[in-house]
Amino acid sequence: MKCMREETFGPTLPVMKVADAEEAVRLVNDSSYGLQASVIGSNTKRARRLAERLEAGCITVNDAQTNYMALGLPMGGWKDSGLGVRHGAEGIRKYTKLQAVSINRFPLRRDLHMIPYDPSAYRLILRLVDLSTAPAAALATSNTHRPAIGSREDPPHP
């Protein structure tokens, strides 16, 4: 049936005979759409287990419209369905943007690693790295060798 393979909007109720619940789940998920689905059954626990296996943004059990009244629940399509999420916290978050702001509590007049290069700044950076990454026991007895200014181990001057 064409209405089983295309996204429909409106009061449609396509009915298809299937061999068992496994085939029904396979056929429902074999679609590029997944906005909403409903599972109808006398065993609510079994219907819920089937609903959890369906690839759709909203699934109702033994109903087709209760999600429209549950404003705290997010509603959005999966796959090629829908344009985002409405309702719930996710529906509000779509109108927000995340932003991280980092403030240096101890700013320097100039970054140590920037040009013009200063060999003493290079040694200070190496020492700070040692202090921030060394185990506590090693800090007390640290005798790390650092190259002398102007040696071949120093980074080149700009």
C-alpha atoms as a PDB file:
ATOM      1  CA  MET A   1       0.000   0.000   0.000  1.00  0.00           C
ATOM      2  CA  LYS A   2       1.310   3.420  -0.934  1.00  0.00           C
ATOM      3  CA  CYS A   3       0.128   4.970   2.353  1.00  0.00           C
ATOM      4  CA  MET A   4       2.329   2.474   4.233  1.00  0.00           C
ATOM      5  CA  ARG A   5       5.500   3.759   2.514  1.00  0.00           C
ATOM      6  CA  GLU A   6       4.848   7.513   2.432  1.00  0.00           C
ATOM      7  CA  GLU A   7       4.369  10.028   5.189  1.00  0.00           C
ATOM      8  CA  THR A   8       0.703  10.895   5.480  1.00  0.00           C
ATOM      9  CA  PHE A   9      -0.875  13.789   7.349  1.00  0.00           C
ATOM     10  CA  GLY A  10      -4.484  13.403   8.147  1.00  0.00           C
ATOM     11  CA  PRO A  11      -6.913  10.901   9.509  1.00  0.00           C
ATOM     12  CA  THR A  12      -5.662   7.739   7.833  1.00  0.00           C
ATOM     13  CA  LEU A  13      -5.843   4.291   9.339  1.00  0.00           C
ATOM     14  CA  PRO A  14      -4.011   1.859   7.076  1.00  0.00           C
ATOM     15  CA  VAL A  15      -4.537  -1.767   8.053  1.00  0.00           C
ATOM     16  CA  MET A  16      -2.283  -4.574   6.903  1.00  0.00           C
ATOM     17  CA  LYS A  17      -2.443  -8.217   7.907  1.00  0.00           C
ATOM     18  CA  VAL A  18       0.859  -9.547   9.267  1.00  0.00           C
ATOM     19  CA  ALA A  19       1.976 -12.966  10.471  1.00  0.00           C
ATOM     20  CA  ASP A  20       3.008 -11.816  13.959  1.00  0.00           C
ATOM     21  CA  ALA A  21       4.294  -8.898  16.046  1.00  0.00           C
ATOM     22  CA  GLU A  22       7.860  -9.402  14.792  1.00  0.00           C
ATOM     23  CA  GLU A  23       6.760  -8.851  11.205  1.00  0.00           C
ATOM     24  CA  ALA A  24       4.751  -5.790  12.248  1.00  0.00           C
ATOM     25  CA  VAL A  25       7.801  -4.221  13.946  1.00  0.00           C
ATOM     26  CA  ARG A  26       9.988  -5.003  10.929  1.00  0.00           C
ATOM     27  CA  LEU A  27       7.488  -3.433   8.504  1.00  0.00           C
ATOM     28  CA  VAL A  28       6.960  -0.328  10.652  1.00  0.00           C
ATOM     29  CA  ASN A  29      10.709   0.266  10.933  1.00  0.00           C
ATOM     30  CA  ASP A  30      11.272  -0.394   7.213  1.00  0.00           C
ATOM     31  CA  SER A  31      10.465   3.194   6.317  1.00  0.00           C
ATOM     32  CA  SER A  32      12.354   6.429   5.946  1.00  0.00           C
ATOM     33  CA  TYR A  33       9.757   8.094   8.174  1.00  0.00           C
ATOM     34  CA  GLY A  34       9.106   7.929  11.887  1.00  0.00           C
ATOM     35  CA  LEU A  35       6.954  10.743  13.195  1.00  0.00           C
ATOM     36  CA  GLN A  36       4.315   8.905  15.193  1.00  0.00           C
ATOM     37  CA  ALA A  37       3.053   5.368  15.676  1.00  0.00           C
ATOM     38  CA  SER A  38       0.440   3.616  17.771  1.00  0.00           C
ATOM     39  CA  VAL A  39       0.357   0.138  19.248  1.00  0.00           C
ATOM     40  CA  ILE A  40      -3.040  -1.304  20.112  1.00  0.00           C
ATOM     41  CA  GLY A  41      -3.285  -4.431  22.246  1.00  0.00           C
ATOM     42  CA  SER A  42      -5.056  -6.040  25.176  1.00  0.00           C
ATOM     43  CA  ASN A  43      -1.749  -6.794  26.954  1.00  0.00           C
ATOM     44  CA  THR A  44      -0.418  -3.342  27.834  1.00  0.00           C
ATOM     45  CA  LYS A  45       2.999  -4.599  28.974  1.00  0.00           C
ATOM     46  CA  ARG A  46       3.538  -6.437  25.699  1.00  0.00           C
ATOM     47  CA  ALA A  47       2.268  -3.431  23.721  1.00  0.00           C
ATOM     48  CA  ARG A  48       4.768  -1.198  25.520  1.00  0.00           C
ATOM     49  CA  ARG A  49       7.662  -3.585  24.772  1.00  0.00           C
ATOM     50  CA  LEU A  50       6.675  -3.496  21.096  1.00  0.00           C
ATOM     51  CA  ALA A  51       6.334   0.310  21.178  1.00  0.00           C
ATOM     52  CA  GLU A  52       9.888   0.660  22.516  1.00  0.00           C
ATOM     53  CA  ARG A  53      11.186  -1.194  19.450  1.00  0.00           C
ATOM     54  CA  LEU A  54       9.519   1.109  16.933  1.00  0.00           C
ATOM     55  CA  GLU A  55      11.596   3.804  15.237  1.00  0.00           C
ATOM     56  CA  ALA A  56       9.350   6.817  15.749  1.00  0.00           C
ATOM     57  CA  GLY A  57       9.562  10.027  17.713  1.00  0.00           C
ATOM     58  CA  CYS A  58       6.239   9.505  19.479  1.00  0.00           C
ATOM     59  CA  ILE A  59       4.440   6.258  20.144  1.00  0.00           C
ATOM     60  CA  THR A  60       1.109   5.904  21.881  1.00  0.00           C
ATOM     61  CA  VAL A  61      -0.194   2.667  23.354  1.00  0.00           C
ATOM     62  CA  ASN A  62      -3.907   1.964  23.026  1.00  0.00           C
ATOM     63  CA  ASP A  63      -4.524   5.511  21.794  1.00  0.00           C
ATOM     64  CA  ALA A  64      -3.586   7.725  18.872  1.00  0.00           C
ATOM     65  CA  GLN A  65      -3.715  11.288  20.192  1.00  0.00           C
ATOM     66  CA  THR A  66      -2.830  11.447  23.928  1.00  0.00           C
ATOM     67  CA  ASN A  67       0.621  12.854  23.157  1.00  0.00           C
ATOM     68  CA  TYR A  68      -0.964  16.146  22.042  1.00  0.00           C
ATOM     69  CA  MET A  69      -2.273  16.738  25.569  1.00  0.00           C
ATOM     70  CA  ALA A  70       0.952  15.699  27.350  1.00  0.00           C
ATOM     71  CA  LEU A  71       2.796  18.990  26.886  1.00  0.00           C
ATOM     72  CA  GLY A  72       5.666  17.883  29.122  1.00  0.00           C
ATOM     73  CA  LEU A  73       6.622  15.119  26.699  1.00  0.00           C
ATOM     74  CA  PRO A  74       8.876  15.939  23.775  1.00  0.00           C
ATOM     75  CA  MET A  75       7.370  15.321  20.350  1.00  0.00           C
ATOM     76  CA  GLY A  76       9.576  15.087  17.287  1.00  0.00           C
ATOM     77  CA  GLY A  77      10.120  12.872  14.308  1.00  0.00           C
ATOM     78  CA  TRP A  78      12.867  10.362  13.652  1.00  0.00           C
ATOM     79  CA  LYS A  79      14.550   9.672  10.333  1.00  0.00           C
ATOM     80  CA  ASP A  80      13.145  11.942   7.595  1.00  0.00           C
ATOM     81  CA  SER A  81      10.091  12.976   9.632  1.00  0.00           C
ATOM     82  CA  GLY A  82       9.448  16.272  11.297  1.00  0.00           C
ATOM     83  CA  LEU A  83      11.336  19.521  11.582  1.00  0.00           C
ATOM     84  CA  GLY A  84      12.620  19.243  15.122  1.00  0.00           C
ATOM     85  CA  VAL A  85      11.052  18.836  18.548  1.00  0.00           C
ATOM     86  CA  ARG A  86       8.147  20.551  20.225  1.00  0.00           C
ATOM     87  CA  HIS A  87       6.908  20.276  23.796  1.00  0.00           C
ATOM     88  CA  GLY A  88       9.006  19.321  26.797  1.00  0.00           C
ATOM     89  CA  ALA A  89      12.436  20.693  27.698  1.00  0.00           C
ATOM     90  CA  GLU A  90      13.798  19.739  24.267  1.00  0.00           C
ATOM     91  CA  GLY A  91      11.150  21.911  22.640  1.00  0.00           C
ATOM     92  CA  ILE A  92      12.444  24.937  24.572  1.00  0.00           C
ATOM     93  CA  ARG A  93      16.126  24.099  24.047  1.00  0.00           C
ATOM     94  CA  LYS A  94      15.768  24.400  20.280  1.00  0.00           C
ATOM     95  CA  TYR A  95      15.406  28.151  20.804  1.00  0.00           C
ATOM     96  CA  THR A  96      18.641  28.404  22.771  1.00  0.00           C
ATOM     97  CA  LYS A  97      22.331  28.402  21.870  1.00  0.00           C
ATOM     98  CA  LEU A  98      25.138  27.004  23.987  1.00  0.00           C
ATOM     99  CA  GLN A  99      28.079  29.270  24.686  1.00  0.00           C
ATOM    100  CA  ALA A 100      31.167  28.708  26.809  1.00  0.00           C
ATOM    101  CA  VAL A 101      32.980  31.715  28.278  1.00  0.00           C
ATOM    102  CA  SER A 102      36.362  31.241  29.924  1.00  0.00           C
ATOM    103  CA  ILE A 103      37.931  33.983  32.045  1.00  0.00           C
ATOM    104  CA  ASN A 104      41.594  33.920  33.001  1.00  0.00           C
ATOM    105  CA  ARG A 105      41.802  34.917  36.654  1.00  0.00           C
ATOM    106  CA  PHE A 106      45.525  35.654  36.353  1.00  0.00           C
ATOM    107  CA  PRO A 107      46.029  37.316  32.960  1.00  0.00           C
ATOM    108  CA  LEU A 108      49.527  38.153  31.735  1.00  0.00           C
ATOM    109  CA  ARG A 109      50.362  41.227  29.732  1.00  0.00           C
ATOM    110  CA  ARG A 110      51.264  38.925  26.863  1.00  0.00           C
ATOM    111  CA  ASP A 111      50.928  35.160  26.363  1.00  0.00           C
ATOM    112  CA  LEU A 112      54.160  33.304  27.121  1.00  0.00           C
ATOM    113  CA  HIS A 113      53.979  31.244  23.946  1.00  0.00           C
ATOM    114  CA  MET A 114      53.469  34.134  21.528  1.00  0.00           C
ATOM    115  CA  ILE A 115      55.964  35.962  19.338  1.00  0.00           C
ATOM    116  CA  PRO A 116      58.289  37.760  20.054  1.00  0.00           C
ATOM    117  CA  TYR A 117      59.880  34.654  21.478  1.00  0.00           C
ATOM    118  CA  ASP A 118      61.677  34.868  24.823  1.00  0.00           C
ATOM    119  CA  PRO A 119      63.898  31.918  25.883  1.00  0.00           C
ATOM    120  CA  SER A 120      63.162  32.536  29.579  1.00  0.00           C
ATOM    121  CA  ALA A 121      59.426  32.319  28.847  1.00  0.00           C
ATOM    122  CA  TYR A 122      60.038  28.965  27.126  1.00  0.00           C
ATOM    123  CA  ARG A 123      61.762  27.625  30.254  1.00  0.00           C
ATOM    124  CA  LEU A 124      58.929  28.943  32.426  1.00  0.00           C
ATOM    125  CA  ILE A 125      56.350  27.153  30.267  1.00  0.00           C
ATOM    126  CA  LEU A 126      58.312  23.896  30.528  1.00  0.00           C
ATOM    127  CA  ARG A 127      58.486  24.251  34.316  1.00  0.00           C
ATOM    128  CA  LEU A 128      54.759  24.979  34.566  1.00  0.00           C
ATOM    129  CA  VAL A 129      54.019  21.889  32.462  1.00  0.00           C
ATOM    130  CA  ASP A 130      56.258  19.836  34.758  1.00  0.00           C
ATOM    131  CA  LEU A 131      54.484  21.171  37.834  1.00  0.00           C
ATOM    132  CA  SER A 132      51.015  20.595  36.440  1.00  0.00           C
ATOM    133  CA  THR A 133      51.640  17.059  35.165  1.00  0.00           C
ATOM    134  CA  ALA A 134      54.164  15.582  37.619  1.00  0.00           C
ATOM    135  CA  PRO A 135      53.025  13.272  40.435  1.00  0.00           C
ATOM    136  CA  ALA A 136      53.122  14.880  43.901  1.00  0.00           C
ATOM    137  CA  ALA A 137      56.127  12.790  45.033  1.00  0.00           C
ATOM    138  CA  ALA A 138      58.144  13.846  41.982  1.00  0.00           C
ATOM    139  CA  LEU A 139      57.525  17.543  42.646  1.00  0.00           C
ATOM    140  CA  ALA A 140      59.536  17.432  45.855  1.00  0.00           C
ATOM    141  CA  THR A 141      62.614  15.897  44.180  1.00  0.00           C
ATOM    142  CA  SER A 142      62.379  17.252  40.637  1.00  0.00           C
ATOM    143  CA  ASN A 143      65.757  17.777  38.935  1.00  0.00           C
ATOM    144  CA  THR A 144      64.537  18.086  35.378  1.00  0.00           C
ATOM    145  CA  HIS A 145      67.255  18.959  32.857  1.00  0.00           C
ATOM    146  CA  ARG A 146      66.463  21.959  30.697  1.00  0.00           C
ATOM    147  CA  PRO A 147      68.609  23.148  27.803  1.00  0.00           C
ATOM    148  CA  ALA A 148      70.808  26.195  28.256  1.00  0.00           C
ATOM    149  CA  ILE A 149      69.853  29.370  26.419  1.00  0.00           C
ATOM    150  CA  GLY A 150      71.262  29.283  22.911  1.00  0.00           C
ATOM    151  CA  SER A 151      71.828  25.500  22.895  1.00  0.00           C
ATOM    152  CA  ARG A 152      70.613  23.425  19.960  1.00  0.00           C
ATOM    153  CA  GLU A 153      67.738  22.117  22.110  1.00  0.00           C
ATOM    154  CA  ASP A 154      66.235  25.603  22.444  1.00  0.00           C
ATOM    155  CA  PRO A 155      63.510  26.412  19.907  1.00  0.00           C
ATOM    156  CA  PRO A 156      64.683  28.741  17.145  1.00  0.00           C
ATOM    157  CA  HIS A 157      64.292  32.489  17.472  1.00  0.00           C
ATOM    158  CA  PRO A 158      61.814  34.069  15.059  1.00  0.00           C
END
